[in-house]
PDB file of N, CA and C in Angstrom:
ATOM      1  N   UNK A   1      22.817  20.080   5.259  1.00  0.00           N
ATOM      2  CA  UNK A   1      22.513  18.866   6.299  1.00  0.00           C
ATOM      3  C   UNK A   1      23.394  17.544   5.833  1.00  0.00           C
ATOM      4  N   UNK A   2      23.976  17.093   6.690  1.00  0.00           N
ATOM      5  CA  UNK A   2      24.372  15.713   6.639  1.00  0.00           C
ATOM      6  C   UNK A   2      23.146  14.351   5.923  1.00  0.00           C
ATOM      7  N   UNK A   3      24.065  14.067   5.435  1.00  0.00           N
ATOM      8  CA  UNK A   3      23.193  12.364   4.841  1.00  0.00           C
ATOM      9  C   UNK A   3      22.313  11.659   5.861  1.00  0.00           C
ATOM     10  N   UNK A   4      23.594  10.785   7.194  1.00  0.00           N
ATOM     11  CA  UNK A   4      22.349  10.534   8.065  1.00  0.00           C
ATOM     12  C   UNK A   4      22.047  11.589   8.680  1.00  0.00           C
ATOM     13  N   UNK A   5      21.839  12.385   8.650  1.00  0.00           N
ATOM     14  CA  UNK A   5      20.783  13.570   9.806  1.00  0.00           C
ATOM     15  C   UNK A   5      19.443  13.084   8.763  1.00  0.00           C
ATOM     16  N   UNK A   6      19.634  13.469   7.270  1.00  0.00           N
ATOM     17  CA  UNK A   6      18.468  13.817   6.764  1.00  0.00           C
ATOM     18  C   UNK A   6      18.033  12.160   6.532  1.00  0.00           C
ATOM     19  N   UNK A   7      18.651  11.321   6.474  1.00  0.00           N
ATOM     20  CA  UNK A   7      18.313   9.579   6.269  1.00  0.00           C
ATOM     21  C   UNK A   7      17.484   9.750   7.871  1.00  0.00           C
ATOM     22  N   UNK A   8      18.053  10.232   9.215  1.00  0.00           N
ATOM     23  CA  UNK A   8      17.342   9.551  10.316  1.00  0.00           C
ATOM     24  C   UNK A   8      16.008  10.103  11.195  1.00  0.00           C
ATOM     25  N   UNK A   9      16.177  11.858   9.928  1.00  0.00           N
ATOM     26  CA  UNK A   9      14.858  12.684  10.145  1.00  0.00           C
ATOM     27  C   UNK A   9      13.617  11.517   9.498  1.00  0.00           C
ATOM     28  N   UNK A  10      14.193  11.811   8.168  1.00  0.00           N
ATOM     29  CA  UNK A  10      13.211  10.604   6.929  1.00  0.00           C
ATOM     30  C   UNK A  10      12.611   9.628   8.199  1.00  0.00           C
ATOM     31  N   UNK A  11      13.434   9.202   8.382  1.00  0.00           N
ATOM     32  CA  UNK A  11      12.976   8.040   9.201  1.00  0.00           C
ATOM     33  C   UNK A  11      12.142   7.789  10.367  1.00  0.00           C
ATOM     34  N   UNK A  12      12.164   9.703  11.126  1.00  0.00           N
ATOM     35  CA  UNK A  12      11.388   9.987  12.019  1.00  0.00           C
ATOM     36  C   UNK A  12      10.232   9.962  11.528  1.00  0.00           C
ATOM     37  N   UNK A  13      10.102  11.113  10.480  1.00  0.00           N
ATOM     38  CA  UNK A  13       9.250  11.127   9.577  1.00  0.00           C
ATOM     39  C   UNK A  13       8.168   9.870   9.086  1.00  0.00           C
ATOM     40  N   UNK A  14       8.882   8.958   8.351  1.00  0.00           N
ATOM     41  CA  UNK A  14       7.412   8.209   8.279  1.00  0.00           C
ATOM     42  C   UNK A  14       7.023   7.373   9.245  1.00  0.00           C
ATOM     43  N   UNK A  15       7.999   7.512  10.420  1.00  0.00           N
ATOM     44  CA  UNK A  15       7.309   6.790  11.672  1.00  0.00           C
ATOM     45  C   UNK A  15       6.185   7.273  12.268  1.00  0.00           C
ATOM     46  N   UNK A  16       6.766   8.684  11.951  1.00  0.00           N
ATOM     47  CA  UNK A  16       5.416   9.601  12.092  1.00  0.00           C
ATOM     48  C   UNK A  16       4.074   9.121  11.506  1.00  0.00           C
ATOM     49  N   UNK A  17       4.638   8.481  10.618  1.00  0.00           N
ATOM     50  CA  UNK A  17       3.044   9.447   9.594  1.00  0.00           C
ATOM     51  C   UNK A  17       2.696   7.405   9.835  1.00  0.00           C
ATOM     52  N   UNK A  18       2.668   6.695  10.695  1.00  0.00           N
ATOM     53  CA  UNK A  18       2.544   5.515  10.735  1.00  0.00           C
ATOM     54  C   UNK A  18       2.969   3.979  10.042  1.00  0.00           C
ATOM     55  N   UNK A  19       4.194   4.350   9.224  1.00  0.00           N
ATOM     56  CA  UNK A  19       5.086   3.562   8.618  1.00  0.00           C
ATOM     57  C   UNK A  19       4.654   2.166   9.800  1.00  0.00           C
ATOM     58  N   UNK A  20       5.128   0.995   8.837  1.00  0.00           N
ATOM     59  CA  UNK A  20       5.060  -0.119   9.427  1.00  0.00           C
ATOM     60  C   UNK A  20       6.581  -0.365   8.889  1.00  0.00           C
ATOM     61  N   UNK A  21       7.735  -1.204  10.230  1.00  0.00           N
ATOM     62  CA  UNK A  21       9.187  -1.693   9.962  1.00  0.00           C
ATOM     63  C   UNK A  21       9.661  -0.997   9.646  1.00  0.00           C
ATOM     64  N   UNK A  22       9.822   0.275  10.310  1.00  0.00           N
ATOM     65  CA  UNK A  22      10.896   1.033   9.571  1.00  0.00           C
ATOM     66  C   UNK A  22      12.101   1.135   9.413  1.00  0.00           C
ATOM     67  N   UNK A  23      13.144   0.724   9.307  1.00  0.00           N
ATOM     68  CA  UNK A  23      14.480   0.253   8.909  1.00  0.00           C
ATOM     69  C   UNK A  23      15.181   1.636   8.412  1.00  0.00           C
ATOM     70  N   UNK A  24      16.430   1.900   9.262  1.00  0.00           N
ATOM     71  CA  UNK A  24      17.476   2.470   8.619  1.00  0.00           C
ATOM     72  C   UNK A  24      18.936   2.344   8.095  1.00  0.00           C
ATOM     73  N   UNK A  25      19.575   1.522   6.854  1.00  0.00           N
ATOM     74  CA  UNK A  25      20.591   0.584   6.770  1.00  0.00           C
ATOM     75  C   UNK A  25      21.856   1.735   6.454  1.00  0.00           C
ATOM     76  N   UNK A  26      23.097   1.560   6.933  1.00  0.00           N
ATOM     77  CA  UNK A  26      24.411   2.186   6.354  1.00  0.00           C
ATOM     78  C   UNK A  26      24.558   0.942   5.584  1.00  0.00           C
ATOM     79  N   UNK A  27      25.006   1.403   4.309  1.00  0.00           N
ATOM     80  CA  UNK A  27      25.434   0.556   2.975  1.00  0.00           C
ATOM     81  C   UNK A  27      26.886   0.851   2.672  1.00  0.00           C
ATOM     82  N   UNK A  28      27.102   2.021   3.219  1.00  0.00           N
ATOM     83  CA  UNK A  28      28.467   2.334   2.894  1.00  0.00           C
ATOM     84  C   UNK A  28      29.319   1.221   2.765  1.00  0.00           C
ATOM     85  N   UNK A  29      29.330   0.302   3.469  1.00  0.00           N
ATOM     86  CA  UNK A  29      30.557  -0.959   2.935  1.00  0.00           C
ATOM     87  C   UNK A  29      30.199  -1.959   2.685  1.00  0.00           C
ATOM     88  N   UNK A  30      28.318  -1.866   1.900  1.00  0.00           N
ATOM     89  CA  UNK A  30      28.039  -3.228   1.452  1.00  0.00           C
ATOM     90  C   UNK A  30      28.062  -3.132  -0.156  1.00  0.00           C
ATOM     91  N   UNK A  31      27.328  -1.822  -0.917  1.00  0.00           N
ATOM     92  CA  UNK A  31      27.261  -1.148  -1.949  1.00  0.00           C
ATOM     93  C   UNK A  31      28.109  -0.019  -2.857  1.00  0.00           C
ATOM     94  N   UNK A  32      28.031  -0.027  -3.571  1.00  0.00           N
ATOM     95  CA  UNK A  32      28.983   1.261  -4.154  1.00  0.00           C
ATOM     96  C   UNK A  32      28.586   2.618  -4.229  1.00  0.00           C
ATOM     97  N   UNK A  33      26.849   2.220  -4.588  1.00  0.00           N
ATOM     98  CA  UNK A  33      26.210   3.370  -5.471  1.00  0.00           C
ATOM     99  C   UNK A  33      25.268   4.589  -4.074  1.00  0.00           C
ATOM    100  N   UNK A  34      25.260   3.677  -3.170  1.00  0.00           N
ATOM    101  CA  UNK A  34      24.566   4.781  -2.256  1.00  0.00           C
ATOM    102  C   UNK A  34      24.457   4.622  -0.855  1.00  0.00           C
ATOM    103  N   UNK A  35      25.134   5.374   0.030  1.00  0.00           N
ATOM    104  CA  UNK A  35      25.360   5.412   1.987  1.00  0.00           C
ATOM    105  C   UNK A  35      23.782   4.428   2.721  1.00  0.00           C
ATOM    106  N   UNK A  36      23.144   5.457   2.467  1.00  0.00           N
ATOM    107  CA  UNK A  36      21.772   4.311   3.212  1.00  0.00           C
ATOM    108  C   UNK A  36      20.710   4.336   2.571  1.00  0.00           C
ATOM    109  N   UNK A  37      19.961   3.910   3.524  1.00  0.00           N
ATOM    110  CA  UNK A  37      18.457   3.299   2.962  1.00  0.00           C
ATOM    111  C   UNK A  37      17.796   3.225   4.092  1.00  0.00           C
ATOM    112  N   UNK A  38      15.984   3.972   3.639  1.00  0.00           N
ATOM    113  CA  UNK A  38      15.448   3.782   4.780  1.00  0.00           C
ATOM    114  C   UNK A  38      14.260   3.074   3.675  1.00  0.00           C
ATOM    115  N   UNK A  39      13.300   1.676   4.642  1.00  0.00           N
ATOM    116  CA  UNK A  39      12.652   1.202   3.950  1.00  0.00           C
ATOM    117  C   UNK A  39      11.937   1.075   5.192  1.00  0.00           C
ATOM    118  N   UNK A  40      10.401   1.386   4.512  1.00  0.00           N
ATOM    119  CA  UNK A  40       9.455   1.175   5.544  1.00  0.00           C
ATOM    120  C   UNK A  40       8.002   0.316   4.265  1.00  0.00           C
ATOM    121  N   UNK A  41       7.067   0.006   5.456  1.00  0.00           N
ATOM    122  CA  UNK A  41       5.750  -0.849   5.311  1.00  0.00           C
ATOM    123  C   UNK A  41       4.585   0.354   5.055  1.00  0.00           C
ATOM    124  N   UNK A  42       3.388   0.441   4.329  1.00  0.00           N
ATOM    125  CA  UNK A  42       2.361   1.119   3.758  1.00  0.00           C
ATOM    126  C   UNK A  42       1.118  -0.239   4.196  1.00  0.00           C
ATOM    127  N   UNK A  43       0.363   0.265   4.590  1.00  0.00           N
ATOM    128  CA  UNK A  43      -0.712  -0.591   4.124  1.00  0.00           C
ATOM    129  C   UNK A  43      -1.636  -0.147   3.097  1.00  0.00           C
ATOM    130  N   UNK A  44      -1.184   1.033   2.181  1.00  0.00           N
ATOM    131  CA  UNK A  44      -2.428   1.125   1.610  1.00  0.00           C
ATOM    132  C   UNK A  44      -1.644   2.406   0.216  1.00  0.00           C
ATOM    133  N   UNK A  45      -2.437   2.072  -0.539  1.00  0.00           N
ATOM    134  CA  UNK A  45      -1.869   3.250  -1.360  1.00  0.00           C
ATOM    135  C   UNK A  45      -1.793   4.441  -1.264  1.00  0.00           C
ATOM    136  N   UNK A  46      -3.014   4.923  -0.273  1.00  0.00           N
ATOM    137  CA  UNK A  46      -3.325   6.492   0.482  1.00  0.00           C
ATOM    138  C   UNK A  46      -2.196   6.582   1.302  1.00  0.00           C
ATOM    139  N   UNK A  47      -2.208   5.942   1.666  1.00  0.00           N
ATOM    140  CA  UNK A  47      -1.082   5.566   2.281  1.00  0.00           C
ATOM    141  C   UNK A  47       0.170   6.164   2.268  1.00  0.00           C
ATOM    142  N   UNK A  48       1.259   4.752   1.211  1.00  0.00           N
ATOM    143  CA  UNK A  48       2.160   5.081   0.651  1.00  0.00           C
ATOM    144  C   UNK A  48       2.236   7.311   0.516  1.00  0.00           C
ATOM    145  N   UNK A  49       1.021   7.489  -0.733  1.00  0.00           N
ATOM    146  CA  UNK A  49       1.054   9.135  -0.735  1.00  0.00           C
ATOM    147  C   UNK A  49       1.183  10.232   0.223  1.00  0.00           C
ATOM    148  N   UNK A  50       0.991  10.108   1.067  1.00  0.00           N
ATOM    149  CA  UNK A  50       0.612  10.799   2.778  1.00  0.00           C
ATOM    150  C   UNK A  50       1.976  10.605   3.120  1.00  0.00           C
ATOM    151  N   UNK A  51       3.066   9.608   3.369  1.00  0.00           N
ATOM    152  CA  UNK A  51       4.402   9.548   3.293  1.00  0.00           C
ATOM    153  C   UNK A  51       5.096  10.134   2.880  1.00  0.00           C
ATOM    154  N   UNK A  52       5.021   9.626   1.505  1.00  0.00           N
ATOM    155  CA  UNK A  52       6.045  10.488   0.841  1.00  0.00           C
ATOM    156  C   UNK A  52       5.275  11.905   0.888  1.00  0.00           C
ATOM    157  N   UNK A  53       4.122  12.823   1.115  1.00  0.00           N
ATOM    158  CA  UNK A  53       3.949  13.827   0.905  1.00  0.00           C
ATOM    159  C   UNK A  53       4.614  14.909   2.047  1.00  0.00           C
ATOM    160  N   UNK A  54       4.571  14.071   3.484  1.00  0.00           N
ATOM    161  CA  UNK A  54       5.042  14.111   4.747  1.00  0.00           C
ATOM    162  C   UNK A  54       6.656  14.394   4.279  1.00  0.00           C
ATOM    163  N   UNK A  55       7.436  13.693   3.483  1.00  0.00           N
ATOM    164  CA  UNK A  55       8.799  13.553   3.688  1.00  0.00           C
ATOM    165  C   UNK A  55       9.219  15.018   2.510  1.00  0.00           C
ATOM    166  N   UNK A  56       8.054  15.334   1.426  1.00  0.00           N
ATOM    167  CA  UNK A  56       8.172  16.484   0.486  1.00  0.00           C
ATOM    168  C   UNK A  56       8.027  17.635   0.985  1.00  0.00           C
ATOM    169  N   UNK A  57       7.015  17.791   2.504  1.00  0.00           N
ATOM    170  CA  UNK A  57       6.457  19.176   3.360  1.00  0.00           C
ATOM    171  C   UNK A  57       7.775  19.627   3.960  1.00  0.00           C
ATOM    172  N   UNK A  58       8.445  19.050   4.375  1.00  0.00           N
ATOM    173  CA  UNK A  58       9.679  19.000   5.230  1.00  0.00           C
ATOM    174  C   UNK A  58      10.770  19.257   4.397  1.00  0.00           C
ATOM    175  N   UNK A  59      10.934  18.459   3.396  1.00  0.00           N
ATOM    176  CA  UNK A  59      12.007  19.026   2.552  1.00  0.00           C
ATOM    177  C   UNK A  59      12.077  20.281   1.624  1.00  0.00           C
ATOM    178  N   UNK A  60      10.754  20.996   1.863  1.00  0.00           N
ATOM    179  CA  UNK A  60      10.450  22.181   1.865  1.00  0.00           C
ATOM    180  C   UNK A  60      11.092  23.287   2.471  1.00  0.00           C
ATOM    181  N   UNK A  61      10.397  22.634   3.847  1.00  0.00           N
ATOM    182  CA  UNK A  61      10.596  23.343   4.996  1.00  0.00           C
ATOM    183  C   UNK A  61      11.635  23.707   5.374  1.00  0.00           C
ATOM    184  N   UNK A  62      12.682  22.866   5.462  1.00  0.00           N
ATOM    185  CA  UNK A  62      13.702  22.505   5.452  1.00  0.00           C
ATOM    186  C   UNK A  62      14.890  22.867   3.675  1.00  0.00           C
ATOM    187  N   UNK A  63      14.329  23.443   3.025  1.00  0.00           N
ATOM    188  CA  UNK A  63      15.156  23.877   1.954  1.00  0.00           C
ATOM    189  C   UNK A  63      16.263  23.282   1.001  1.00  0.00           C
ATOM    190  N   UNK A  64      15.429  22.064   1.448  1.00  0.00           N
ATOM    191  CA  UNK A  64      16.433  20.935   1.307  1.00  0.00           C
ATOM    192  C   UNK A  64      15.870  19.815  -0.966  1.00  0.00           C
ATOM    193  N   UNK A  65      16.938  19.849  -1.361  1.00  0.00           N
ATOM    194  CA  UNK A  65      16.194  19.629  -2.948  1.00  0.00           C
ATOM    195  C   UNK A  65      15.745  18.459  -2.947  1.00  0.00           C
ATOM    196  N   UNK A  66      14.997  18.548  -3.549  1.00  0.00           N
ATOM    197  CA  UNK A  66      13.779  17.407  -3.783  1.00  0.00           C
ATOM    198  C   UNK A  66      14.451  16.521  -4.296  1.00  0.00           C
ATOM    199  N   UNK A  67      13.791  14.821  -3.842  1.00  0.00           N
ATOM    200  CA  UNK A  67      14.931  13.462  -4.131  1.00  0.00           C
ATOM    201  C   UNK A  67      14.182  13.649  -6.000  1.00  0.00           C
ATOM    202  N   UNK A  68      14.360  12.390  -6.420  1.00  0.00           N
ATOM    203  CA  UNK A  68      14.003  12.359  -7.343  1.00  0.00           C
ATOM    204  C   UNK A  68      12.897  10.940  -7.526  1.00  0.00           C
ATOM    205  N   UNK A  69      11.706  10.678  -8.236  1.00  0.00           N
ATOM    206  CA  UNK A  69      11.526   9.493  -8.078  1.00  0.00           C
ATOM    207  C   UNK A  69      10.921   8.821  -8.936  1.00  0.00           C
ATOM    208  N   UNK A  70      10.482   7.331  -8.137  1.00  0.00           N
ATOM    209  CA  UNK A  70      10.674   5.525  -9.093  1.00  0.00           C
ATOM    210  C   UNK A  70       9.234   5.637  -8.321  1.00  0.00           C
ATOM    211  N   UNK A  71       8.582   4.927  -8.912  1.00  0.00           N
ATOM    212  CA  UNK A  71       7.969   3.859  -8.796  1.00  0.00           C
ATOM    213  C   UNK A  71       6.587   4.583  -8.721  1.00  0.00           C
ATOM    214  N   UNK A  72       5.002   4.159  -8.533  1.00  0.00           N
ATOM    215  CA  UNK A  72       3.409   5.423  -7.609  1.00  0.00           C
ATOM    216  C   UNK A  72       3.549   4.611  -6.860  1.00  0.00           C
ATOM    217  N   UNK A  73       2.236   4.803  -6.317  1.00  0.00           N
ATOM    218  CA  UNK A  73       1.670   4.490  -5.027  1.00  0.00           C
ATOM    219  C   UNK A  73       0.600   3.060  -5.495  1.00  0.00           C
ATOM    220  N   UNK A  74       0.419   3.172  -6.282  1.00  0.00           N
ATOM    221  CA  UNK A  74      -0.188   2.173  -7.194  1.00  0.00           C
ATOM    222  C   UNK A  74       0.322   0.998  -7.766  1.00  0.00           C
ATOM    223  N   UNK A  75       1.389   1.406  -7.846  1.00  0.00           N
ATOM    224  CA  UNK A  75       2.451  -0.216  -8.054  1.00  0.00           C
ATOM    225  C   UNK A  75       2.728  -0.733  -7.242  1.00  0.00           C
ATOM    226  N   UNK A  76       2.500  -0.217  -5.379  1.00  0.00           N
ATOM    227  CA  UNK A  76       3.064  -0.105  -4.329  1.00  0.00           C
ATOM    228  C   UNK A  76       4.467  -0.125  -3.916  1.00  0.00           C
ATOM    229  N   UNK A  77       4.987   0.284  -4.670  1.00  0.00           N
ATOM    230  CA  UNK A  77       6.388   0.721  -4.415  1.00  0.00           C
ATOM    231  C   UNK A  77       6.447   1.955  -4.484  1.00  0.00           C
ATOM    232  N   UNK A  78       6.944   2.938  -3.850  1.00  0.00           N
ATOM    233  CA  UNK A  78       7.800   4.369  -4.505  1.00  0.00           C
ATOM    234  C   UNK A  78       9.295   4.585  -3.575  1.00  0.00           C
ATOM    235  N   UNK A  79      10.045   4.682  -4.576  1.00  0.00           N
ATOM    236  CA  UNK A  79      11.084   5.190  -4.088  1.00  0.00           C
ATOM    237  C   UNK A  79      11.923   6.782  -4.310  1.00  0.00           C
ATOM    238  N   UNK A  80      12.140   7.299  -3.399  1.00  0.00           N
ATOM    239  CA  UNK A  80      12.813   8.603  -3.046  1.00  0.00           C
ATOM    240  C   UNK A  80      14.632   8.164  -3.081  1.00  0.00           C
ATOM    241  N   UNK A  81      14.632   8.992  -4.594  1.00  0.00           N
ATOM    242  CA  UNK A  81      16.565   9.494  -4.509  1.00  0.00           C
ATOM    243  C   UNK A  81      16.952  10.013  -4.332  1.00  0.00           C
ATOM    244  N   UNK A  82      17.958  10.227  -2.919  1.00  0.00           N
ATOM    245  CA  UNK A  82      18.523  11.708  -3.001  1.00  0.00           C
ATOM    246  C   UNK A  82      19.896  11.804  -3.488  1.00  0.00           C
ATOM    247  N   UNK A  83      20.623  10.616  -3.959  1.00  0.00           N
ATOM    248  CA  UNK A  83      21.756  10.410  -4.630  1.00  0.00           C
ATOM    249  C   UNK A  83      22.204   9.014  -3.181  1.00  0.00           C
ATOM    250  N   UNK A  84      22.678   9.801  -2.290  1.00  0.00           N
ATOM    251  CA  UNK A  84      23.170   9.458  -1.317  1.00  0.00           C
ATOM    252  C   UNK A  84      22.789   8.341  -0.169  1.00  0.00           C
ATOM    253  N   UNK A  85      21.280   8.740  -0.765  1.00  0.00           N
ATOM    254  CA  UNK A  85      20.453   8.269   0.879  1.00  0.00           C
ATOM    255  C   UNK A  85      19.110   7.376  -0.456  1.00  0.00           C
ATOM    256  N   UNK A  86      18.267   6.609  -0.417  1.00  0.00           N
ATOM    257  CA  UNK A  86      17.379   5.925  -0.947  1.00  0.00           C
ATOM    258  C   UNK A  86      16.628   5.648  -0.196  1.00  0.00           C
ATOM    259  N   UNK A  87      14.889   6.150  -0.038  1.00  0.00           N
ATOM    260  CA  UNK A  87      13.635   5.614   0.614  1.00  0.00           C
ATOM    261  C   UNK A  87      13.238   5.215   0.000  1.00  0.00           C
ATOM    262  N   UNK A  88      12.642   3.773   0.487  1.00  0.00           N
ATOM    263  CA  UNK A  88      11.599   2.658  -0.297  1.00  0.00           C
ATOM    264  C   UNK A  88      10.323   2.579   0.617  1.00  0.00           C
ATOM    265  N   UNK A  89       9.392   3.122  -0.143  1.00  0.00           N
ATOM    266  CA  UNK A  89       8.348   2.432   0.804  1.00  0.00           C
ATOM    267  C   UNK A  89       7.536   1.790  -0.156  1.00  0.00           C
ATOM    268  N   UNK A  90       6.824   1.135   0.214  1.00  0.00           N
ATOM    269  CA  UNK A  90       6.306  -0.201   0.285  1.00  0.00           C
ATOM    270  C   UNK A  90       4.595  -0.895   0.560  1.00  0.00           C
ATOM    271  N   UNK A  91       4.110  -1.751   0.005  1.00  0.00           N
ATOM    272  CA  UNK A  91       3.241  -2.075   0.150  1.00  0.00           C
ATOM    273  C   UNK A  91       3.450  -3.003   0.708  1.00  0.00           C
ATOM    274  N   UNK A  92       2.934  -3.767   1.374  1.00  0.00           N
ATOM    275  CA  UNK A  92       3.291  -5.278   2.130  1.00  0.00           C
ATOM    276  C   UNK A  92       3.346  -5.665   1.225  1.00  0.00           C
ATOM    277  N   UNK A  93       2.683  -6.311  -0.046  1.00  0.00           N
ATOM    278  CA  UNK A  93       2.853  -7.569  -0.644  1.00  0.00           C
ATOM    279  C   UNK A  93       4.397  -7.000  -1.490  1.00  0.00           C
ATOM    280  N   UNK A  94       4.814  -5.621  -2.304  1.00  0.00           N
ATOM    281  CA  UNK A  94       6.181  -5.736  -2.324  1.00  0.00           C
ATOM    282  C   UNK A  94       6.987  -5.388  -1.256  1.00  0.00           C
ATOM    283  N   UNK A  95       7.000  -5.513   0.053  1.00  0.00           N
ATOM    284  CA  UNK A  95       7.929  -5.339   0.757  1.00  0.00           C
ATOM    285  C   UNK A  95       8.199  -7.234   0.691  1.00  0.00           C
ATOM    286  N   UNK A  96       7.240  -7.134   0.925  1.00  0.00           N
ATOM    287  CA  UNK A  96       7.441  -9.317   1.095  1.00  0.00           C
ATOM    288  C   UNK A  96       8.523  -9.486  -0.658  1.00  0.00           C
ATOM    289  N   UNK A  97       8.044  -9.150  -1.643  1.00  0.00           N
ATOM    290  CA  UNK A  97       7.948  -9.962  -2.710  1.00  0.00           C
ATOM    291  C   UNK A  97       9.875  -9.053  -2.869  1.00  0.00           C
ATOM    292  N   UNK A  98      10.094  -7.863  -2.829  1.00  0.00           N
ATOM    293  CA  UNK A  98      11.368  -7.649  -2.923  1.00  0.00           C
ATOM    294  C   UNK A  98      12.546  -7.884  -1.801  1.00  0.00           C
ATOM    295  N   UNK A  99      12.235  -8.345  -1.018  1.00  0.00           N
ATOM    296  CA  UNK A  99      13.053  -8.613   0.726  1.00  0.00           C
ATOM    297  C   UNK A  99      14.379  -7.831   0.591  1.00  0.00           C
ATOM    298  N   UNK A 100      14.202  -6.044   0.106  1.00  0.00           N
ATOM    299  CA  UNK A 100      15.254  -5.651   0.369  1.00  0.00           C
ATOM    300  C   UNK A 100      16.100  -5.848   1.555  1.00  0.00           C
ATOM    301  N   UNK A 101      15.624  -6.121   2.772  1.00  0.00           N
ATOM    302  CA  UNK A 101      16.202  -6.765   4.087  1.00  0.00           C
ATOM    303  C   UNK A 101      17.013  -7.507   3.882  1.00  0.00           C
ATOM    304  N   UNK A 102      16.699  -8.405   3.137  1.00  0.00           N
ATOM    305  CA  UNK A 102      17.996  -9.315   3.206  1.00  0.00           C
ATOM    306  C   UNK A 102      18.955  -9.174   2.113  1.00  0.00           C
ATOM    307  N   UNK A 103      18.172  -8.947   1.259  1.00  0.00           N
ATOM    308  CA  UNK A 103      18.950  -7.996  -0.060  1.00  0.00           C
ATOM    309  C   UNK A 103      20.291  -7.517   0.791  1.00  0.00           C
ATOM    310  N   UNK A 104      20.186  -6.825   1.381  1.00  0.00           N
ATOM    311  CA  UNK A 104      21.200  -6.188   1.303  1.00  0.00           C
ATOM    312  C   UNK A 104      21.279  -6.137   3.147  1.00  0.00           C
ATOM    313  N   UNK A 105      21.369  -7.754   3.583  1.00  0.00           N
ATOM    314  CA  UNK A 105      21.525  -7.911   4.875  1.00  0.00           C
ATOM    315  C   UNK A 105      23.254  -7.873   5.973  1.00  0.00           C
ATOM    316  N   UNK A 106      24.303  -7.876   4.547  1.00  0.00           N
ATOM    317  CA  UNK A 106      25.578  -7.184   4.726  1.00  0.00           C
ATOM    318  C   UNK A 106      25.647  -5.627   5.341  1.00  0.00           C
ATOM    319  N   UNK A 107      24.443  -5.076   5.248  1.00  0.00           N
ATOM    320  CA  UNK A 107      24.555  -3.265   5.519  1.00  0.00           C
ATOM    321  C   UNK A 107      24.304  -3.607   7.477  1.00  0.00           C
ATOM    322  N   UNK A 108      25.375  -2.331   7.392  1.00  0.00           N
ATOM    323  CA  UNK A 108      25.077  -2.507   8.978  1.00  0.00           C
ATOM    324  C   UNK A 108      23.785  -1.333   9.455  1.00  0.00           C
ATOM    325  N   UNK A 109      22.973  -2.286  10.101  1.00  0.00           N
ATOM    326  CA  UNK A 109      21.802  -1.738  10.949  1.00  0.00           C
ATOM    327  C   UNK A 109      21.031  -0.925  11.372  1.00  0.00           C
ATOM    328  N   UNK A 110      21.452   0.698  11.093  1.00  0.00           N
ATOM    329  CA  UNK A 110      21.458   1.590  12.041  1.00  0.00           C
ATOM    330  C   UNK A 110      19.883   1.446  13.221  1.00  0.00           C
ATOM    331  N   UNK A 111      19.088   1.641  13.017  1.00  0.00           N
ATOM    332  CA  UNK A 111      17.875   1.488  13.359  1.00  0.00           C
ATOM    333  C   UNK A 111      17.209   0.467  13.455  1.00  0.00           C
ATOM    334  N   UNK A 112      15.178  -0.471  13.855  1.00  0.00           N
ATOM    335  CA  UNK A 112      14.311  -0.364  13.862  1.00  0.00           C
ATOM    336  C   UNK A 112      13.217  -0.246  14.021  1.00  0.00           C
ATOM    337  N   UNK A 113      12.463   0.209  13.836  1.00  0.00           N
ATOM    338  CA  UNK A 113      11.244   1.004  14.625  1.00  0.00           C
ATOM    339  C   UNK A 113      10.027  -0.041  13.869  1.00  0.00           C
ATOM    340  N   UNK A 114       9.585  -0.909  15.265  1.00  0.00           N
ATOM    341  CA  UNK A 114       8.393  -1.623  14.644  1.00  0.00           C
ATOM    342  C   UNK A 114       7.220  -1.451  15.481  1.00  0.00           C
TER     343      UNK A 114
END
């Protein structure tokens, strides 16, 4: 499966789990270490875990290699690193603090679901 297909499906999954402000960015022209970012917000630690688990379940079903993980729901930020794709699941305060949407404003917006 192509990276963009994984990114789009991951964005659909997090949206289906009621994540807020889901953004898919094409970062290929803006940075050298990743092709796509999926960024989303969650209101609670438990919800962050549920979103991550939904992505894990889909990866298992599709037999896609599991990403490397950084952060914990308790920290308010979980990162799933696929190499060419990074998924950020933020608590509301952490999303505002890190402002990745602004940091990567030169990246091409593929879509935003609000």
